[in-house]
C-alpha atoms as a PDB file:
ATOM      1  CA  MET A   1     180.947  71.443 -30.953  1.00  0.00           C
ATOM      2  CA  ASN A   2     182.439  74.889 -30.411  1.00  0.00           C
ATOM      3  CA  GLN A   3     179.203  76.819 -30.902  1.00  0.00           C
ATOM      4  CA  PRO A   4     179.675  80.277 -29.358  1.00  0.00           C
ATOM      5  CA  LEU A   5     175.937  80.874 -28.998  1.00  0.00           C
ATOM      6  CA  ALA A   6     175.353  77.693 -26.964  1.00  0.00           C
ATOM      7  CA  TYR A   7     176.048  77.114 -23.273  1.00  0.00           C
ATOM      8  CA  VAL A   8     177.730  73.857 -22.311  1.00  0.00           C
ATOM      9  CA  ASN A   9     178.607  73.443 -18.658  1.00  0.00           C
ATOM     10  CA  PRO A  10     182.308  72.600 -18.263  1.00  0.00           C
ATOM     11  CA  GLN A  11     181.362  69.528 -16.198  1.00  0.00           C
ATOM     12  CA  ALA A  12     179.223  68.031 -18.969  1.00  0.00           C
ATOM     13  CA  LYS A  13     180.780  65.076 -20.827  1.00  0.00           C
ATOM     14  CA  VAL A  14     180.135  65.674 -24.518  1.00  0.00           C
ATOM     15  CA  ALA A  15     181.815  63.564 -27.223  1.00  0.00           C
ATOM     16  CA  LYS A  16     184.036  65.535 -29.586  1.00  0.00           C
ATOM     17  CA  ASN A  17     181.939  65.057 -32.720  1.00  0.00           C
ATOM     18  CA  VAL A  18     178.590  66.042 -31.184  1.00  0.00           C
ATOM     19  CA  VAL A  19     176.977  68.878 -33.151  1.00  0.00           C
ATOM     20  CA  ILE A  20     175.420  71.587 -30.990  1.00  0.00           C
ATOM     21  CA  GLU A  21     173.369  74.294 -32.676  1.00  0.00           C
ATOM     22  CA  PRO A  22     172.908  77.877 -31.368  1.00  0.00           C
ATOM     23  CA  PHE A  23     171.043  78.632 -28.130  1.00  0.00           C
ATOM     24  CA  VAL A  24     171.352  75.120 -26.711  1.00  0.00           C
ATOM     25  CA  ASN A  25     171.700  74.879 -22.921  1.00  0.00           C
ATOM     26  CA  ILE A  26     173.508  71.841 -21.475  1.00  0.00           C
ATOM     27  CA  GLU A  27     173.843  71.635 -17.700  1.00  0.00           C
ATOM     28  CA  LYS A  28     176.334  69.757 -15.511  1.00  0.00           C
ATOM     29  CA  ASN A  29     176.090  65.995 -14.895  1.00  0.00           C
ATOM     30  CA  VAL A  30     175.178  65.358 -18.536  1.00  0.00           C
ATOM     31  CA  GLU A  31     176.733  62.787 -20.879  1.00  0.00           C
ATOM     32  CA  ILE A  32     176.226  62.824 -24.662  1.00  0.00           C
ATOM     33  CA  GLY A  33     177.560  60.153 -27.008  1.00  0.00           C
ATOM     34  CA  GLU A  34     179.311  60.347 -30.354  1.00  0.00           C
ATOM     35  CA  GLY A  35     177.549  61.516 -33.482  1.00  0.00           C
ATOM     36  CA  THR A  36     174.558  63.078 -31.744  1.00  0.00           C
ATOM     37  CA  TRP A  37     173.029  66.257 -33.181  1.00  0.00           C
ATOM     38  CA  ILE A  38     171.347  68.785 -30.891  1.00  0.00           C
ATOM     39  CA  GLY A  39     169.130  71.373 -32.552  1.00  0.00           C
ATOM     40  CA  SER A  40     168.771  74.987 -31.520  1.00  0.00           C
ATOM     41  CA  ASN A  41     166.977  75.922 -28.302  1.00  0.00           C
ATOM     42  CA  VAL A  42     167.240  72.426 -26.802  1.00  0.00           C
ATOM     43  CA  THR A  43     167.607  72.286 -23.015  1.00  0.00           C
ATOM     44  CA  ILE A  44     169.419  69.295 -21.526  1.00  0.00           C
ATOM     45  CA  MET A  45     169.295  69.355 -17.750  1.00  0.00           C
ATOM     46  CA  GLU A  46     171.209  67.554 -15.011  1.00  0.00           C
ATOM     47  CA  GLY A  47     171.012  63.777 -15.075  1.00  0.00           C
ATOM     48  CA  ALA A  48     170.737  63.252 -18.839  1.00  0.00           C
ATOM     49  CA  ARG A  49     172.580  60.297 -20.372  1.00  0.00           C
ATOM     50  CA  ILE A  50     172.195  60.431 -24.161  1.00  0.00           C
ATOM     51  CA  GLY A  51     173.592  57.757 -26.457  1.00  0.00           C
ATOM     52  CA  LYS A  52     175.292  57.802 -29.835  1.00  0.00           C
ATOM     53  CA  ASN A  53     173.885  59.122 -33.118  1.00  0.00           C
ATOM     54  CA  CYS A  54     170.750  60.610 -31.631  1.00  0.00           C
ATOM     55  CA  LYS A  55     168.919  63.579 -33.153  1.00  0.00           C
ATOM     56  CA  ILE A  56     167.266  66.062 -30.796  1.00  0.00           C
ATOM     57  CA  TYR A  57     165.190  68.734 -32.517  1.00  0.00           C
ATOM     58  CA  PRO A  58     164.588  72.364 -31.484  1.00  0.00           C
ATOM     59  CA  GLY A  59     162.706  73.092 -28.295  1.00  0.00           C
ATOM     60  CA  ALA A  60     163.059  69.676 -26.644  1.00  0.00           C
ATOM     61  CA  VAL A  61     163.655  69.580 -22.884  1.00  0.00           C
ATOM     62  CA  ILE A  62     165.497  66.510 -21.609  1.00  0.00           C
ATOM     63  CA  ALA A  63     165.836  65.524 -17.927  1.00  0.00           C
ATOM     64  CA  ALA A  64     163.689  68.199 -16.309  1.00  0.00           C
ATOM     65  CA  THR A  65     162.739  67.440 -12.712  1.00  0.00           C
ATOM     66  CA  PRO A  66     159.686  65.185 -12.292  1.00  0.00           C
ATOM     67  CA  GLN A  67     156.215  66.714 -12.159  1.00  0.00           C
ATOM     68  CA  ASP A  68     155.581  64.687  -9.022  1.00  0.00           C
ATOM     69  CA  LEU A  69     154.910  66.296  -5.641  1.00  0.00           C
ATOM     70  CA  LYS A  70     156.684  63.389  -3.919  1.00  0.00           C
ATOM     71  CA  TYR A  71     159.938  64.249  -5.674  1.00  0.00           C
ATOM     72  CA  ASN A  72     162.320  65.685  -3.099  1.00  0.00           C
ATOM     73  CA  GLY A  73     165.375  66.680  -5.099  1.00  0.00           C
ATOM     74  CA  GLU A  74     167.047  63.254  -5.198  1.00  0.00           C
ATOM     75  CA  GLU A  75     169.651  62.745  -7.930  1.00  0.00           C
ATOM     76  CA  THR A  76     167.996  60.774 -10.705  1.00  0.00           C
ATOM     77  CA  LEU A  77     168.557  60.174 -14.417  1.00  0.00           C
ATOM     78  CA  VAL A  78     167.130  60.067 -17.909  1.00  0.00           C
ATOM     79  CA  ARG A  79     168.800  57.435 -20.095  1.00  0.00           C
ATOM     80  CA  ILE A  80     168.351  57.622 -23.871  1.00  0.00           C
ATOM     81  CA  GLY A  81     169.772  54.879 -26.084  1.00  0.00           C
ATOM     82  CA  ASP A  82     171.561  55.068 -29.419  1.00  0.00           C
ATOM     83  CA  ASN A  83     170.055  56.172 -32.740  1.00  0.00           C
ATOM     84  CA  THR A  84     166.940  57.662 -31.165  1.00  0.00           C
ATOM     85  CA  THR A  85     165.198  60.689 -32.687  1.00  0.00           C
ATOM     86  CA  ILE A  86     163.496  63.241 -30.454  1.00  0.00           C
ATOM     87  CA  ARG A  87     161.441  65.759 -32.386  1.00  0.00           C
ATOM     88  CA  GLU A  88     160.396  69.318 -31.592  1.00  0.00           C
ATOM     89  CA  PHE A  89     159.268  70.229 -28.056  1.00  0.00           C
ATOM     90  CA  VAL A  90     159.405  66.708 -26.645  1.00  0.00           C
ATOM     91  CA  THR A  91     159.691  66.686 -22.845  1.00  0.00           C
ATOM     92  CA  ILE A  92     161.285  63.819 -20.914  1.00  0.00           C
ATOM     93  CA  ASN A  93     161.376  64.000 -17.112  1.00  0.00           C
ATOM     94  CA  ARG A  94     163.920  62.392 -14.797  1.00  0.00           C
ATOM     95  CA  GLY A  95     163.032  59.501 -12.529  1.00  0.00           C
ATOM     96  CA  THR A  96     162.158  59.627  -8.844  1.00  0.00           C
ATOM     97  CA  LYS A  97     163.367  57.427  -6.005  1.00  0.00           C
ATOM     98  CA  ALA A  98     160.773  54.862  -7.136  1.00  0.00           C
ATOM     99  CA  ASN A  99     163.013  53.730 -10.038  1.00  0.00           C
ATOM    100  CA  TRP A 100     165.758  56.395 -10.040  1.00  0.00           C
ATOM    101  CA  GLU A 101     165.621  56.781 -13.807  1.00  0.00           C
ATOM    102  CA  THR A 102     163.484  57.255 -16.889  1.00  0.00           C
ATOM    103  CA  VAL A 103     164.670  55.122 -19.806  1.00  0.00           C
ATOM    104  CA  ILE A 104     164.238  55.414 -23.585  1.00  0.00           C
ATOM    105  CA  GLY A 105     165.720  52.622 -25.701  1.00  0.00           C
ATOM    106  CA  ASP A 106     167.589  52.463 -29.002  1.00  0.00           C
ATOM    107  CA  HIS A 107     166.160  53.350 -32.433  1.00  0.00           C
ATOM    108  CA  CYS A 108     163.073  55.078 -31.052  1.00  0.00           C
ATOM    109  CA  LEU A 109     161.126  57.923 -32.665  1.00  0.00           C
ATOM    110  CA  LEU A 110     159.437  60.410 -30.355  1.00  0.00           C
ATOM    111  CA  MET A 111     157.450  62.786 -32.557  1.00  0.00           C
ATOM    112  CA  ALA A 112     156.766  66.437 -31.763  1.00  0.00           C
ATOM    113  CA  TYR A 113     155.216  67.359 -28.406  1.00  0.00           C
ATOM    114  CA  VAL A 114     155.480  63.868 -26.893  1.00  0.00           C
ATOM    115  CA  HIS A 115     155.688  63.912 -23.093  1.00  0.00           C
ATOM    116  CA  ILE A 116     157.336  61.117 -21.108  1.00  0.00           C
ATOM    117  CA  ALA A 117     156.954  61.439 -17.351  1.00  0.00           C
ATOM    118  CA  HIS A 118     159.104  60.190 -14.496  1.00  0.00           C
ATOM    119  CA  ASP A 119     160.134  56.544 -14.138  1.00  0.00           C
ATOM    120  CA  CYS A 120     158.822  55.436 -17.526  1.00  0.00           C
ATOM    121  CA  ILE A 121     160.651  52.695 -19.424  1.00  0.00           C
ATOM    122  CA  VAL A 122     160.325  52.730 -23.215  1.00  0.00           C
ATOM    123  CA  GLY A 123     161.914  49.823 -25.095  1.00  0.00           C
ATOM    124  CA  ASN A 124     163.757  49.680 -28.414  1.00  0.00           C
ATOM    125  CA  HIS A 125     162.285  50.535 -31.839  1.00  0.00           C
ATOM    126  CA  CYS A 126     159.238  52.250 -30.316  1.00  0.00           C
ATOM    127  CA  ILE A 127     157.307  55.062 -32.001  1.00  0.00           C
ATOM    128  CA  LEU A 128     155.298  57.629 -30.067  1.00  0.00           C
ATOM    129  CA  ALA A 129     153.390  59.849 -32.498  1.00  0.00           C
ATOM    130  CA  ASN A 130     152.716  63.550 -32.072  1.00  0.00           C
ATOM    131  CA  ALA A 131     151.558  64.679 -28.625  1.00  0.00           C
ATOM    132  CA  ALA A 132     151.312  61.174 -27.160  1.00  0.00           C
ATOM    133  CA  THR A 133     151.514  61.573 -23.390  1.00  0.00           C
ATOM    134  CA  LEU A 134     152.826  59.085 -20.838  1.00  0.00           C
ATOM    135  CA  ALA A 135     152.086  59.523 -17.142  1.00  0.00           C
ATOM    136  CA  GLY A 136     154.587  58.182 -14.605  1.00  0.00           C
ATOM    137  CA  HIS A 137     155.778  54.598 -14.139  1.00  0.00           C
ATOM    138  CA  ILE A 138     154.669  53.338 -17.581  1.00  0.00           C
ATOM    139  CA  THR A 139     156.443  50.471 -19.324  1.00  0.00           C
ATOM    140  CA  ILE A 140     156.348  50.177 -23.116  1.00  0.00           C
ATOM    141  CA  ASP A 141     157.972  47.076 -24.595  1.00  0.00           C
ATOM    142  CA  ASP A 142     159.948  46.867 -27.854  1.00  0.00           C
ATOM    143  CA  TRP A 143     158.403  47.686 -31.251  1.00  0.00           C
ATOM    144  CA  ALA A 144     155.269  49.297 -29.808  1.00  0.00           C
ATOM    145  CA  ILE A 145     153.553  52.170 -31.637  1.00  0.00           C
ATOM    146  CA  VAL A 146     151.433  54.694 -29.734  1.00  0.00           C
ATOM    147  CA  GLY A 147     149.276  56.954 -31.888  1.00  0.00           C
ATOM    148  CA  GLY A 148     149.138  60.723 -31.748  1.00  0.00           C
ATOM    149  CA  LEU A 149     147.280  62.416 -28.890  1.00  0.00           C
ATOM    150  CA  ALA A 150     147.030  59.140 -26.978  1.00  0.00           C
ATOM    151  CA  ALA A 151     147.080  59.501 -23.196  1.00  0.00           C
ATOM    152  CA  VAL A 152     148.459  56.622 -21.121  1.00  0.00           C
ATOM    153  CA  HIS A 153     147.524  56.215 -17.442  1.00  0.00           C
ATOM    154  CA  GLN A 154     150.255  55.816 -14.839  1.00  0.00           C
ATOM    155  CA  PHE A 155     151.550  52.285 -14.172  1.00  0.00           C
ATOM    156  CA  VAL A 156     150.161  50.931 -17.468  1.00  0.00           C
ATOM    157  CA  HIS A 157     152.153  48.264 -19.326  1.00  0.00           C
ATOM    158  CA  ILE A 158     152.081  48.143 -23.150  1.00  0.00           C
ATOM    159  CA  GLY A 159     153.342  44.912 -24.707  1.00  0.00           C
ATOM    160  CA  VAL A 160     155.684  44.152 -27.604  1.00  0.00           C
ATOM    161  CA  HIS A 161     154.601  44.734 -31.215  1.00  0.00           C
ATOM    162  CA  THR A 162     151.420  46.552 -30.226  1.00  0.00           C
ATOM    163  CA  MET A 163     149.736  49.375 -32.135  1.00  0.00           C
ATOM    164  CA  ILE A 164     147.492  51.822 -30.270  1.00  0.00           C
ATOM    165  CA  SER A 165     145.150  54.111 -32.168  1.00  0.00           C
ATOM    166  CA  GLY A 166     145.590  57.870 -32.104  1.00  0.00           C
ATOM    167  CA  GLY A 167     143.516  59.692 -29.505  1.00  0.00           C
ATOM    168  CA  SER A 168     143.208  56.625 -27.285  1.00  0.00           C
ATOM    169  CA  LEU A 169     142.796  56.749 -23.518  1.00  0.00           C
ATOM    170  CA  VAL A 170     144.928  53.862 -22.270  1.00  0.00           C
ATOM    171  CA  ARG A 171     143.766  52.923 -18.771  1.00  0.00           C
ATOM    172  CA  LYS A 172     144.487  49.182 -18.799  1.00  0.00           C
ATOM    173  CA  ASP A 173     147.474  47.064 -19.840  1.00  0.00           C
ATOM    174  CA  VAL A 174     147.694  46.332 -23.573  1.00  0.00           C
ATOM    175  CA  PRO A 175     148.948  42.775 -24.200  1.00  0.00           C
ATOM    176  CA  PRO A 176     151.545  41.855 -26.860  1.00  0.00           C
ATOM    177  CA  PHE A 177     150.990  41.676 -30.623  1.00  0.00           C
ATOM    178  CA  VAL A 178     147.601  43.431 -30.724  1.00  0.00           C
ATOM    179  CA  LYS A 179     145.942  46.508 -32.198  1.00  0.00           C
ATOM    180  CA  ALA A 180     143.904  48.607 -29.776  1.00  0.00           C
ATOM    181  CA  ALA A 181     141.301  51.293 -30.485  1.00  0.00           C
ATOM    182  CA  ARG A 182     137.811  52.570 -29.589  1.00  0.00           C
ATOM    183  CA  GLU A 183     136.550  53.961 -26.287  1.00  0.00           C
ATOM    184  CA  PRO A 184     136.943  52.323 -23.879  1.00  0.00           C
ATOM    185  CA  LEU A 185     140.152  50.959 -25.370  1.00  0.00           C
ATOM    186  CA  SER A 186     139.523  47.501 -26.788  1.00  0.00           C
ATOM    187  CA  TYR A 187     141.107  44.680 -28.745  1.00  0.00           C
ATOM    188  CA  ILE A 188     140.422  45.074 -32.483  1.00  0.00           C
ATOM    189  CA  GLY A 189     142.719  42.367 -33.854  1.00  0.00           C
ATOM    190  CA  ILE A 190     146.359  41.425 -33.929  1.00  0.00           C
ATOM    191  CA  ASN A 191     149.019  43.650 -35.445  1.00  0.00           C
ATOM    192  CA  SER A 192     149.528  41.314 -38.406  1.00  0.00           C
ATOM    193  CA  ILE A 193     151.041  43.896 -40.768  1.00  0.00           C
ATOM    194  CA  GLY A 194     153.605  44.984 -38.187  1.00  0.00           C
ATOM    195  CA  LEU A 195     154.434  41.369 -37.371  1.00  0.00           C
ATOM    196  CA  ARG A 196     155.019  40.524 -41.038  1.00  0.00           C
ATOM    197  CA  ARG A 197     157.272  43.528 -41.440  1.00  0.00           C
ATOM    198  CA  ARG A 198     159.359  42.263 -38.525  1.00  0.00           C
ATOM    199  CA  GLY A 199     159.790  38.745 -39.848  1.00  0.00           C
ATOM    200  CA  PHE A 200     156.994  36.753 -38.226  1.00  0.00           C
ATOM    201  CA  ASN A 201     155.851  33.952 -40.531  1.00  0.00           C
ATOM    202  CA  THR A 202     152.279  32.922 -41.347  1.00  0.00           C
ATOM    203  CA  GLU A 203     152.302  30.061 -38.850  1.00  0.00           C
ATOM    204  CA  GLN A 204     153.366  32.356 -36.020  1.00  0.00           C
ATOM    205  CA  ILE A 205     150.775  34.981 -36.942  1.00  0.00           C
ATOM    206  CA  ASN A 206     147.985  32.398 -37.120  1.00  0.00           C
ATOM    207  CA  HIS A 207     149.059  31.030 -33.739  1.00  0.00           C
ATOM    208  CA  ILE A 208     148.879  34.508 -32.201  1.00  0.00           C
ATOM    209  CA  GLN A 209     145.454  34.951 -33.796  1.00  0.00           C
ATOM    210  CA  ASP A 210     144.257  31.720 -32.170  1.00  0.00           C
ATOM    211  CA  ILE A 211     145.503  32.863 -28.768  1.00  0.00           C
ATOM    212  CA  TYR A 212     143.548  36.095 -28.966  1.00  0.00           C
ATOM    213  CA  ARG A 213     140.409  34.449 -30.306  1.00  0.00           C
ATOM    214  CA  THR A 214     140.388  32.437 -27.094  1.00  0.00           C
ATOM    215  CA  LEU A 215     141.213  35.422 -24.913  1.00  0.00           C
ATOM    216  CA  TYR A 216     138.924  38.005 -26.462  1.00  0.00           C
ATOM    217  CA  VAL A 217     136.403  36.595 -28.931  1.00  0.00           C
ATOM    218  CA  LYS A 218     134.952  33.345 -27.596  1.00  0.00           C
ATOM    219  CA  GLY A 219     133.249  34.736 -24.530  1.00  0.00           C
ATOM    220  CA  TYR A 220     135.574  33.481 -21.788  1.00  0.00           C
ATOM    221  CA  ASN A 221     136.720  35.636 -18.916  1.00  0.00           C
ATOM    222  CA  VAL A 222     140.482  36.146 -18.611  1.00  0.00           C
ATOM    223  CA  THR A 223     140.990  33.395 -16.036  1.00  0.00           C
ATOM    224  CA  GLN A 224     139.097  30.847 -18.135  1.00  0.00           C
ATOM    225  CA  ALA A 225     140.898  31.887 -21.322  1.00  0.00           C
ATOM    226  CA  VAL A 226     144.316  31.586 -19.708  1.00  0.00           C
ATOM    227  CA  ARG A 227     143.546  28.049 -18.510  1.00  0.00           C
ATOM    228  CA  ILE A 228     142.455  26.995 -22.006  1.00  0.00           C
ATOM    229  CA  ILE A 229     145.460  28.615 -23.691  1.00  0.00           C
ATOM    230  CA  GLU A 230     147.834  26.869 -21.271  1.00  0.00           C
ATOM    231  CA  ALA A 231     146.109  23.485 -21.630  1.00  0.00           C
ATOM    232  CA  GLU A 232     145.299  23.362 -25.320  1.00  0.00           C
ATOM    233  CA  MET A 233     147.845  25.463 -27.205  1.00  0.00           C
ATOM    234  CA  PRO A 234     151.449  24.449 -27.868  1.00  0.00           C
ATOM    235  CA  ALA A 235     154.141  26.193 -25.867  1.00  0.00           C
ATOM    236  CA  THR A 236     155.763  28.788 -28.122  1.00  0.00           C
ATOM    237  CA  PRO A 237     157.618  32.032 -27.435  1.00  0.00           C
ATOM    238  CA  GLU A 238     154.524  33.947 -28.562  1.00  0.00           C
ATOM    239  CA  ARG A 239     152.140  32.027 -26.295  1.00  0.00           C
ATOM    240  CA  ASP A 240     154.500  32.327 -23.344  1.00  0.00           C
ATOM    241  CA  GLU A 241     154.933  36.066 -23.952  1.00  0.00           C
ATOM    242  CA  VAL A 242     151.170  36.595 -23.775  1.00  0.00           C
ATOM    243  CA  LEU A 243     150.700  34.413 -20.680  1.00  0.00           C
ATOM    244  CA  ALA A 244     153.619  36.016 -18.856  1.00  0.00           C
ATOM    245  CA  PHE A 245     152.289  39.482 -19.674  1.00  0.00           C
ATOM    246  CA  ILE A 246     148.843  38.652 -18.266  1.00  0.00           C
ATOM    247  CA  SER A 247     150.304  37.078 -15.133  1.00  0.00           C
ATOM    248  CA  ARG A 248     152.348  40.218 -14.429  1.00  0.00           C
ATOM    249  CA  SER A 249     149.509  42.660 -15.061  1.00  0.00           C
ATOM    250  CA  THR A 250     148.642  44.816 -12.055  1.00  0.00           C
ATOM    251  CA  ARG A 251     146.015  47.029 -13.695  1.00  0.00           C
ATOM    252  CA  GLY A 252     144.297  44.240 -15.637  1.00  0.00           C
ATOM    253  CA  VAL A 253     144.371  43.823 -19.409  1.00  0.00           C
ATOM    254  CA  MET A 254     142.167  45.866 -21.714  1.00  0.00           C
ATOM    255  CA  ARG A 255     138.767  44.507 -22.695  1.00  0.00           C
ATOM    256  CA  GLY A 256     137.708  42.681 -25.809  1.00  0.00           C
ATOM    257  CA  TYR A 257     135.300  44.222 -28.284  1.00  0.00           C
ATOM    258  CA  ALA A 258     131.780  42.820 -28.328  1.00  0.00           C
ATOM    259  CA  GLY A 259     131.432  43.292 -32.079  1.00  0.00           C
ATOM    260  CA  LEU A 260     134.169  40.789 -32.933  1.00  0.00           C
ATOM    261  CA  TYR A 261     133.252  37.230 -33.871  1.00  0.00           C
ATOM    262  CA  SER A 262     135.275  34.063 -34.230  1.00  0.00           C
END
């Protein structure tokens, strides 16, 4: 840790085996866990809480103040879990008094130039590809993948095991287990390859497929589809995850694609 060309504020709490490369700047009120590597020219500002065994590549800026005109200097945080990789020039802003913190989970990969704004919550095992941009107050659930250059509108919710195409404009909530693409962003199928990789069996995948055929392919509106799914499909964790997601949606779920057939 004793890198003479880096600045570490004496009030920062940095584990003994953290590796800090030259020209890093670490401010006060920062905590960094064991085994983390911090590349050259990284800036870690007040309010950062970084877990164990993370890798932060050159040029990243962690815990800068929110780009929100309502922010009034309140003490807020960025929390980053264990084993997360943050590539070059990623920017992660602190929370505001709305949530008090911005949170990134464990085992995430944030590729170069990703931006995560204030009060976002990103789950575990998520991947945000190059230059994906999150506005404020966005929630991304576990195992989601957001393609490069995607732009996500504030207050959007992205469900578990989703995959969003690169370059997408995400204005509506994206429900669990699906792939999303096209403009406007639309359902293009379930994320069957990702689900298989994560241990879902054929029966579970077919069940999820049936749910989304009802929701998106058979011509029902969302209210009608939800009633049919509740009445006619067996209660499973997958079904309940989808129904709970829709019931919590404040922006409305993304549309189906008219070119899909049952």
